[in-house]
Amino acid sequence: MAQYNITLSDEILKGLFSGDRGVAGLLEQVLNQVLQAQASEQLKTEPYERSEDRQGYRNGTRPRAITTRVGTLVLRVPRLRTGKFSTELFARYQRSEQALLITMMEMVVNGVSTRKVAAITEELCGQEFSKSTVSDLCKRLDPIVQGWNERSLKDKRYPFVLMDAIVLKIREDGRVRPRAAMIATGISEDGYREVLGIQVGDSESEAGWSEFFSWLKGRGLHGVDIVVSDSHSGLVKALQAQFQGSTWQRCQTHFMRNFLDAVPKNLQEELYGKVRAILDAPDVDTARLLLKRVVDEYGERASKAVDILESAFDDITAVLVLPERYRKRLRTTNGQERLNEEIRRRDRVIRIYPNRDSVMRLIGALLMEIDEKWQTGHGYFDMTEYWAWREEQAKKEKEKEKEKANIRKIS
């Protein structure tokens, strides 16, 4: 990865704290220096430097405005005498903004937008755009998003996978219909988070989730140890069929909401603490002992809630078999919920998508950028302890098999 030395002026730093263009001014200055550094890389020389390796000469700059979430930035794009300056900076930085803008334009040209969306689109692009303009933009962006969403997953194992779905409204056959965007994220064998993919299905039925899981497996998803999700009945059934041998961890946050709904109000605070102790137990045996105490004490006073707790016990405590350092982040779908909130921020602008392709373009571009951020950031887990634990578990399993074989020989 390229590294650049960035110099910030006192004026920009003062503006950052005073609120005068603040982050926008800072970002504009940083990106302009990055562009100049990329020009130097292509020319093999710094400005005014004499060198036998020179690949060309500078020819000034041209202004280019880009619209971002922190405001409009005016960048000075280098011009070269010997050819066109090339940079991936705009494509990387603006991919999700491009997708949002294209989707709004698509809504306008298809006559399905609100007045608010039409006004925003005209302000951003001007009033002169057509279906052909939208089509050309889609041809540039869609293959990039599709290529990322269809990439192979064969090269890594993904021991931990989180699943969730978000319901969106899509216009199909002249009607607005709710559709499920199913999203999977994973933690790879080297401890980095990845967005594994997104697929739009008719509903969150068993058939819909089965198709999603088959698609992920077809792309090479393997080595799955624990799957974390909410208790979607269709998802759980599909999971049992498609990922046999994997353990399902039911999201504890969602479970607690369902559990407390069944608890009499006068016992809610009391039982919350008791169940929280079960979920935070150091191991499964301790959790089961605490469960027995709850059943004995509240079996008659809160029978419905206790039945829910008993039936869900194995699923909500699945992470207790893992080393302690991995449990907190894997016992809920909170990370997935934060991802959903990022999607909802854009969904609140669109409200009703003109077609499924627009969903894949907008949300896919966003997830692609988030995935790139995760891949170039810090690792999510140090997996050393996990793989040592897995090796120890494998040894214990072999010893058990040997004992069973010896018993069969004796009998």
Protein backbone atom coordinates (compact mmCIF):
# COMPACT_ATOMS: atom_id res chain seq x y z
CA MET A 1 0.00 0.00 0.00
CA ALA A 2 1.37 3.43 -0.96
CA GLN A 3 2.32 5.80 1.85
CA TYR A 4 2.26 9.59 1.52
CA ASN A 5 3.69 12.38 3.66
CA ILE A 6 0.96 14.98 4.23
CA THR A 7 1.60 18.59 5.31
CA LEU A 8 -1.26 20.55 6.92
CA SER A 9 -1.34 24.34 7.07
CA ASP A 10 -1.97 26.24 10.30
CA GLU A 11 -5.03 27.81 8.66
CA ILE A 12 -6.62 24.42 8.01
CA LEU A 13 -5.88 23.18 11.52
CA LYS A 14 -7.44 26.31 13.04
CA GLY A 15 -10.46 25.85 10.79
CA LEU A 16 -10.84 22.26 11.97
CA PHE A 17 -11.37 23.42 15.55
CA SER A 18 -13.28 26.60 14.76
CA GLY A 19 -15.78 24.90 12.44
CA ASP A 20 -14.84 27.00 9.36
CA ARG A 21 -15.20 24.29 6.68
CA GLY A 22 -13.57 22.03 9.28
CA VAL A 23 -13.32 18.44 8.07
CA ALA A 24 -14.08 19.38 4.44
CA GLY A 25 -11.13 21.76 4.28
CA LEU A 26 -8.84 19.24 5.94
CA LEU A 27 -9.92 16.45 3.59
CA GLU A 28 -9.57 18.69 0.53
CA GLN A 29 -5.98 19.56 1.44
CA VAL A 30 -5.06 15.94 2.14
CA LEU A 31 -6.56 14.63 -1.12
CA ASN A 32 -4.85 17.33 -3.19
CA GLN A 33 -1.50 16.30 -1.75
CA VAL A 34 -2.29 12.66 -2.49
CA LEU A 35 -3.06 13.57 -6.11
CA GLN A 36 0.26 15.39 -6.44
CA ALA A 37 2.08 12.41 -4.90
CA GLN A 38 0.39 10.06 -7.38
CA ALA A 39 1.47 12.32 -10.25
CA SER A 40 5.05 12.11 -8.97
CA GLU A 41 4.77 8.31 -8.88
CA GLN A 42 3.64 8.19 -12.51
CA LEU A 43 6.30 10.64 -13.72
CA LYS A 44 9.02 9.06 -11.56
CA THR A 45 10.09 12.54 -10.44
CA GLU A 46 9.13 15.28 -8.02
CA PRO A 47 8.22 18.80 -9.29
CA TYR A 48 11.29 20.60 -10.74
CA GLU A 49 13.46 17.52 -10.15
CA ARG A 50 16.02 16.52 -12.78
CA SER A 51 16.16 12.77 -13.33
CA GLU A 52 17.01 10.29 -16.08
CA ASP A 53 14.00 8.21 -14.98
CA ARG A 54 11.48 10.98 -15.79
CA GLN A 55 8.40 9.64 -17.63
CA GLY A 56 6.88 12.99 -18.62
CA TYR A 57 6.14 16.57 -17.57
CA ARG A 58 3.44 18.32 -15.58
CA ASN A 59 1.07 20.69 -17.34
CA GLY A 60 -0.73 22.42 -14.46
CA THR A 61 -3.97 21.20 -12.89
CA ARG A 62 -7.68 21.22 -13.59
CA PRO A 63 -10.35 21.70 -10.91
CA ARG A 64 -12.78 18.91 -10.14
CA ALA A 65 -15.60 19.12 -7.61
CA ILE A 66 -16.79 15.99 -5.85
CA THR A 67 -19.78 15.79 -3.53
CA THR A 68 -19.15 13.92 -0.28
CA ARG A 69 -20.84 13.44 3.06
CA VAL A 70 -18.72 16.25 4.54
CA GLY A 71 -19.50 18.75 1.77
CA THR A 72 -18.28 19.66 -1.72
CA LEU A 73 -14.52 19.34 -2.22
CA VAL A 74 -12.67 21.12 -5.03
CA LEU A 75 -9.67 19.01 -6.05
CA ARG A 76 -6.81 20.08 -8.29
CA VAL A 77 -6.27 17.15 -10.64
CA PRO A 78 -2.77 17.11 -12.18
CA ARG A 79 -2.47 17.37 -15.98
CA LEU A 80 0.44 15.72 -17.79
CA ARG A 81 1.86 16.71 -21.18
CA THR A 82 2.66 13.17 -22.26
CA GLY A 83 -0.64 11.56 -21.39
CA LYS A 84 -3.65 11.39 -19.15
CA PHE A 85 -3.18 11.38 -15.41
CA SER A 86 -4.84 8.29 -13.94
CA THR A 87 -6.02 7.81 -10.38
CA GLU A 88 -8.41 5.48 -8.60
CA LEU A 89 -8.97 8.08 -5.90
CA PHE A 90 -12.35 9.29 -7.19
CA ALA A 91 -13.69 5.80 -7.89
CA ARG A 92 -12.70 4.51 -4.45
CA TYR A 93 -13.81 7.53 -2.49
CA GLN A 94 -17.07 8.20 -4.29
CA ARG A 95 -18.33 4.71 -5.08
CA SER A 96 -21.18 4.74 -2.57
CA GLU A 97 -21.99 8.37 -3.42
CA GLN A 98 -22.10 7.42 -7.11
CA ALA A 99 -24.48 4.55 -6.34
CA LEU A 100 -26.77 6.79 -4.28
CA LEU A 101 -26.85 9.43 -7.00
CA ILE A 102 -27.50 6.90 -9.80
CA THR A 103 -30.35 5.36 -7.83
CA MET A 104 -31.99 8.74 -7.33
CA MET A 105 -31.55 9.58 -11.02
CA GLU A 106 -33.09 6.22 -11.91
CA MET A 107 -36.09 7.02 -9.73
CA VAL A 108 -36.56 10.38 -11.47
CA VAL A 109 -36.35 9.09 -15.06
CA ASN A 110 -38.75 6.25 -14.21
CA GLY A 111 -41.24 8.65 -12.67
CA VAL A 112 -41.30 6.94 -9.24
CA SER A 113 -39.46 9.51 -7.13
CA THR A 114 -40.73 11.87 -4.52
CA ARG A 115 -40.45 15.61 -5.08
CA LYS A 116 -37.69 15.71 -2.47
CA VAL A 117 -35.56 13.17 -4.35
CA ALA A 118 -36.14 14.97 -7.66
CA ALA A 119 -35.02 18.27 -6.11
CA ILE A 120 -31.87 16.72 -4.61
CA THR A 121 -30.98 15.01 -7.88
CA GLU A 122 -31.40 18.18 -9.91
CA GLU A 123 -29.24 20.10 -7.45
CA LEU A 124 -26.47 17.50 -7.62
CA CYS A 125 -26.50 16.76 -11.36
CA GLY A 126 -28.30 19.65 -12.97
CA GLN A 127 -31.61 19.17 -14.77
CA GLU A 128 -30.10 17.69 -17.94
CA PHE A 129 -29.88 13.93 -17.55
CA SER A 130 -31.69 11.11 -19.34
CA LYS A 131 -32.19 7.35 -19.29
CA SER A 132 -29.13 6.95 -21.49
CA THR A 133 -27.06 8.95 -18.99
CA VAL A 134 -28.22 6.71 -16.15
CA SER A 135 -27.57 3.60 -18.26
CA ASP A 136 -24.00 4.69 -19.04
CA LEU A 137 -23.29 5.36 -15.36
CA CYS A 138 -24.70 1.96 -14.38
CA LYS A 139 -22.51 0.20 -16.95
CA ARG A 140 -19.45 1.68 -15.28
CA LEU A 141 -20.40 0.97 -11.66
CA ASP A 142 -22.49 -2.23 -11.77
CA PRO A 143 -19.73 -4.59 -13.02
CA ILE A 144 -17.41 -3.40 -10.24
CA VAL A 145 -19.99 -4.09 -7.53
CA GLN A 146 -21.07 -7.37 -9.10
CA GLY A 147 -17.48 -8.57 -9.43
CA TRP A 148 -16.87 -7.88 -5.74
CA ASN A 149 -20.13 -9.55 -4.67
CA GLU A 150 -19.36 -12.66 -6.74
CA ARG A 151 -15.68 -12.97 -5.76
CA SER A 152 -14.30 -16.33 -4.71
CA LEU A 153 -14.17 -17.19 -1.00
CA LYS A 154 -12.10 -20.35 -1.47
CA ASP A 155 -8.75 -19.00 -0.35
CA LYS A 156 -9.66 -18.56 3.33
CA ARG A 157 -11.60 -20.31 6.06
CA TYR A 158 -14.26 -18.31 7.87
CA PRO A 159 -14.76 -19.82 11.34
CA PHE A 160 -17.26 -17.14 12.44
CA VAL A 161 -20.13 -15.95 10.24
CA LEU A 162 -22.87 -13.44 11.10
CA MET A 163 -26.16 -13.38 9.17
CA ASP A 164 -29.02 -10.91 9.04
CA ALA A 165 -31.65 -9.55 6.67
CA ILE A 166 -33.04 -6.09 6.17
CA VAL A 167 -36.46 -5.50 4.59
CA LEU A 168 -36.56 -2.94 1.76
CA LYS A 169 -39.36 -1.69 -0.47
CA ILE A 170 -38.92 -2.33 -4.20
CA ARG A 171 -41.24 -1.40 -7.06
CA GLU A 172 -41.99 -4.53 -9.10
CA ASP A 173 -44.73 -5.08 -11.70
CA GLY A 174 -46.27 -1.72 -10.88
CA ARG A 175 -46.54 -2.44 -7.15
CA VAL A 176 -44.38 -1.71 -4.12
CA ARG A 177 -43.32 -4.99 -2.51
CA PRO A 178 -41.25 -5.73 0.62
CA ARG A 179 -38.14 -7.75 -0.18
CA ALA A 180 -35.39 -9.16 2.04
CA ALA A 181 -31.77 -8.12 1.47
CA MET A 182 -29.79 -10.95 3.08
CA ILE A 183 -26.28 -10.03 4.19
CA ALA A 184 -23.45 -12.18 5.54
CA THR A 185 -20.25 -11.02 7.22
CA GLY A 186 -17.44 -13.26 8.38
CA ILE A 187 -14.26 -13.30 10.43
CA SER A 188 -11.55 -15.00 8.43
CA GLU A 189 -8.88 -17.39 9.65
CA ASP A 190 -6.45 -14.47 10.04
CA GLY A 191 -8.88 -12.47 12.19
CA TYR A 192 -10.12 -9.84 9.73
CA ARG A 193 -13.78 -9.01 9.17
CA GLU A 194 -15.18 -9.27 5.67
CA VAL A 195 -18.53 -8.62 4.07
CA LEU A 196 -19.12 -11.97 2.38
CA GLY A 197 -22.01 -10.88 0.18
CA ILE A 198 -25.55 -9.64 -0.30
CA GLN A 199 -28.50 -11.17 -2.12
CA VAL A 200 -32.05 -9.90 -2.55
CA GLY A 201 -34.74 -12.53 -1.97
CA ASP A 202 -38.52 -12.55 -2.07
CA SER A 203 -38.77 -13.16 1.69
CA GLU A 204 -36.96 -14.49 4.75
CA SER A 205 -38.38 -17.97 4.16
CA GLU A 206 -36.43 -21.21 4.50
CA ALA A 207 -36.22 -21.39 0.70
CA GLY A 208 -34.84 -17.83 0.51
CA TRP A 209 -32.16 -18.46 3.12
CA SER A 210 -31.28 -21.85 1.57
CA GLU A 211 -30.68 -20.16 -1.76
CA PHE A 212 -28.48 -17.55 -0.06
CA PHE A 213 -26.44 -20.18 1.78
CA SER A 214 -26.05 -22.28 -1.38
CA TRP A 215 -24.80 -19.21 -3.21
CA LEU A 216 -22.19 -18.51 -0.50
CA LYS A 217 -21.05 -22.15 -0.52
CA GLY A 218 -20.91 -22.12 -4.30
CA ARG A 219 -18.45 -19.22 -4.08
CA GLY A 220 -16.28 -21.29 -1.75
CA LEU A 221 -17.39 -20.40 1.79
CA HIS A 222 -16.00 -23.12 4.06
CA GLY A 223 -14.58 -23.80 7.52
CA VAL A 224 -17.62 -22.30 9.26
CA ASP A 225 -17.61 -23.13 12.99
CA ILE A 226 -20.21 -20.77 14.51
CA VAL A 227 -23.03 -18.84 12.82
CA VAL A 228 -24.54 -15.91 14.73
CA SER A 229 -28.02 -14.62 13.87
CA ASP A 230 -31.42 -13.70 15.20
CA SER A 231 -34.03 -16.43 15.52
CA HIS A 232 -35.50 -16.29 12.00
CA SER A 233 -37.26 -19.65 11.70
CA GLY A 234 -36.46 -19.91 8.00
CA LEU A 235 -32.80 -19.09 8.60
CA VAL A 236 -32.37 -21.67 11.36
CA LYS A 237 -33.91 -24.47 9.30
CA ALA A 238 -31.83 -23.59 6.26
CA LEU A 239 -28.71 -23.37 8.42
CA GLN A 240 -29.22 -26.87 9.79
CA ALA A 241 -29.49 -28.24 6.26
CA GLN A 242 -26.72 -26.21 4.58
CA PHE A 243 -24.05 -25.95 7.31
CA GLN A 244 -24.23 -29.29 9.10
CA GLY A 245 -21.59 -29.51 11.82
CA SER A 246 -21.65 -25.76 12.48
CA THR A 247 -23.02 -24.36 15.74
CA TRP A 248 -25.76 -21.75 15.80
CA GLN A 249 -25.40 -18.90 18.31
CA ARG A 250 -28.70 -17.10 18.79
CA CYS A 251 -28.31 -13.37 19.28
CA GLN A 252 -28.56 -12.77 23.03
CA THR A 253 -29.84 -9.20 22.63
CA HIS A 254 -32.83 -10.28 20.55
CA PHE A 255 -33.44 -13.24 22.83
CA MET A 256 -33.58 -11.04 25.95
CA ARG A 257 -36.23 -8.85 24.32
CA ASN A 258 -38.37 -11.88 23.46
CA PHE A 259 -37.81 -13.41 26.90
CA LEU A 260 -38.72 -10.26 28.85
CA ASP A 261 -41.92 -9.84 26.81
CA ALA A 262 -43.09 -13.11 28.36
CA VAL A 263 -42.08 -12.18 31.94
CA PRO A 264 -44.63 -10.62 34.32
CA LYS A 265 -43.76 -6.94 34.80
CA ASN A 266 -43.16 -7.27 38.54
CA LEU A 267 -40.46 -9.89 37.87
CA GLN A 268 -38.74 -8.37 34.83
CA GLU A 269 -35.90 -6.58 36.58
CA GLU A 270 -35.26 -9.51 38.89
CA LEU A 271 -35.24 -12.12 36.13
CA TYR A 272 -33.15 -9.99 33.81
CA GLY A 273 -30.26 -10.15 36.28
CA LYS A 274 -30.65 -13.90 36.74
CA VAL A 275 -30.63 -14.62 33.01
CA ARG A 276 -27.77 -12.18 32.42
CA ALA A 277 -25.73 -14.23 34.90
CA ILE A 278 -26.44 -17.36 32.85
CA LEU A 279 -25.26 -15.69 29.64
CA ASP A 280 -22.11 -14.35 31.33
CA ALA A 281 -21.23 -17.66 33.00
CA PRO A 282 -17.59 -18.81 32.68
CA ASP A 283 -18.58 -22.16 31.15
CA VAL A 284 -21.58 -24.23 30.03
CA ASP A 285 -21.72 -26.32 33.24
CA THR A 286 -22.00 -23.20 35.40
CA ALA A 287 -24.63 -21.75 33.06
CA ARG A 288 -26.67 -24.97 33.30
CA LEU A 289 -26.49 -24.88 37.12
CA LEU A 290 -27.74 -21.27 37.11
CA LEU A 291 -30.51 -22.27 34.71
CA LYS A 292 -31.69 -24.98 37.09
CA ARG A 293 -31.91 -22.44 39.92
CA VAL A 294 -34.03 -20.11 37.77
CA VAL A 295 -36.33 -22.97 36.76
CA ASP A 296 -36.77 -24.07 40.38
CA GLU A 297 -37.40 -20.53 41.64
CA TYR A 298 -39.55 -19.09 38.84
CA GLY A 299 -41.04 -22.16 37.14
CA GLU A 300 -44.51 -21.46 38.52
CA ARG A 301 -44.48 -17.66 38.77
CA ALA A 302 -43.22 -17.10 35.21
CA SER A 303 -43.86 -20.44 33.51
CA LYS A 304 -44.08 -19.11 29.94
CA ALA A 305 -40.80 -17.20 30.20
CA VAL A 306 -39.03 -20.13 31.86
CA ASP A 307 -40.16 -22.46 29.07
CA ILE A 308 -38.69 -20.02 26.51
CA LEU A 309 -35.43 -19.91 28.45
CA GLU A 310 -35.15 -23.68 28.73
CA SER A 311 -35.86 -24.33 25.05
CA ALA A 312 -33.36 -21.67 23.92
CA PHE A 313 -30.61 -22.45 26.43
CA ASP A 314 -28.27 -24.41 24.12
CA ASP A 315 -28.57 -21.82 21.34
CA ILE A 316 -27.99 -18.71 23.47
CA THR A 317 -24.98 -20.21 25.29
CA ALA A 318 -23.23 -21.74 22.27
CA VAL A 319 -20.31 -19.28 22.52
CA LEU A 320 -19.43 -20.50 26.01
CA VAL A 321 -17.45 -23.37 24.48
CA LEU A 322 -15.08 -20.85 22.87
CA PRO A 323 -12.09 -19.22 24.60
CA GLU A 324 -13.36 -16.25 26.61
CA ARG A 325 -11.77 -13.52 24.45
CA TYR A 326 -14.04 -14.40 21.48
CA ARG A 327 -17.37 -14.56 23.29
CA LYS A 328 -18.35 -10.92 23.71
CA ARG A 329 -18.31 -10.05 20.01
CA LEU A 330 -19.92 -13.31 18.93
CA ARG A 331 -22.83 -13.55 21.34
CA THR A 332 -24.91 -10.89 19.55
CA THR A 333 -25.49 -9.50 16.07
CA ASN A 334 -24.67 -5.97 17.25
CA GLY A 335 -21.93 -5.61 14.63
CA GLN A 336 -24.40 -6.61 11.94
CA GLU A 337 -26.95 -4.15 13.32
CA ARG A 338 -24.45 -1.31 12.95
CA LEU A 339 -24.00 -2.36 9.33
CA ASN A 340 -27.79 -2.26 8.89
CA GLU A 341 -27.90 1.26 10.29
CA GLU A 342 -25.42 2.43 7.65
CA ILE A 343 -27.74 0.94 5.03
CA ARG A 344 -30.79 2.60 6.59
CA ARG A 345 -29.15 6.02 6.35
CA ARG A 346 -29.26 5.72 2.57
CA ASP A 347 -32.53 3.82 2.55
CA ARG A 348 -34.24 6.77 4.27
CA VAL A 349 -33.32 8.91 1.25
CA ILE A 350 -34.54 6.41 -1.37
CA ARG A 351 -37.50 4.85 0.51
CA ILE A 352 -38.76 2.91 -2.53
CA TYR A 353 -36.24 1.38 -4.95
CA PRO A 354 -37.10 1.42 -8.66
CA ASN A 355 -35.87 -2.17 -9.15
CA ARG A 356 -33.68 -4.90 -7.62
CA ASP A 357 -30.62 -3.81 -9.59
CA SER A 358 -30.71 -0.44 -7.83
CA VAL A 359 -30.68 -2.22 -4.46
CA MET A 360 -27.65 -4.28 -5.41
CA ARG A 361 -25.90 -1.20 -6.79
CA LEU A 362 -26.51 1.11 -3.83
CA ILE A 363 -26.13 -1.32 -0.94
CA GLY A 364 -23.45 -3.36 -2.72
CA ALA A 365 -21.31 -0.25 -3.29
CA LEU A 366 -21.68 0.72 0.36
CA LEU A 367 -20.80 -2.77 1.61
CA MET A 368 -17.86 -2.88 -0.77
CA GLU A 369 -16.42 0.30 0.75
CA ILE A 370 -17.00 -0.97 4.29
CA ASP A 371 -15.29 -4.25 3.36
CA GLU A 372 -12.27 -2.37 1.98
CA LYS A 373 -12.09 -0.36 5.21
CA TRP A 374 -12.17 -3.53 7.31
CA GLN A 375 -9.52 -5.22 5.17
CA THR A 376 -7.09 -2.30 5.44
CA GLY A 377 -7.73 -1.60 9.13
CA HIS A 378 -6.85 -3.43 12.30
CA GLY A 379 -7.67 -7.12 12.72
CA TYR A 380 -10.94 -7.90 14.48
CA PHE A 381 -9.56 -10.89 16.42
CA ASP A 382 -6.18 -12.36 17.22
CA MET A 383 -6.96 -15.92 16.12
CA THR A 384 -3.89 -17.58 17.70
CA GLU A 385 -5.78 -18.75 20.79
CA TYR A 386 -8.71 -19.98 18.71
CA TRP A 387 -6.59 -22.21 16.49
CA ALA A 388 -4.71 -23.59 19.53
CA TRP A 389 -8.10 -24.36 21.11
CA ARG A 390 -9.29 -26.06 17.93
CA GLU A 391 -6.18 -28.23 17.86
CA GLU A 392 -6.73 -29.22 21.49
CA GLN A 393 -10.37 -30.08 20.73
CA ALA A 394 -9.30 -32.26 17.81
CA LYS A 395 -6.87 -34.17 20.07
CA LYS A 396 -9.63 -34.80 22.62
CA GLU A 397 -11.94 -36.09 19.90
CA LYS A 398 -9.27 -38.55 18.70
CA GLU A 399 -8.73 -39.79 22.25
CA LYS A 400 -12.48 -40.36 22.66
CA GLU A 401 -12.60 -42.30 19.39
CA LYS A 402 -9.70 -44.49 20.56
CA GLU A 403 -11.46 -45.20 23.87
CA LYS A 404 -14.66 -46.17 22.05
CA ALA A 405 -12.70 -48.43 19.70
CA ASN A 406 -10.98 -50.16 22.67
CA ILE A 407 -14.32 -50.69 24.41
CA ARG A 408 -15.75 -52.29 21.25
CA LYS A 409 -12.75 -54.63 21.03
CA ILE A 410 -13.12 -55.71 24.66
CA SER A 411 -16.89 -56.30 24.30
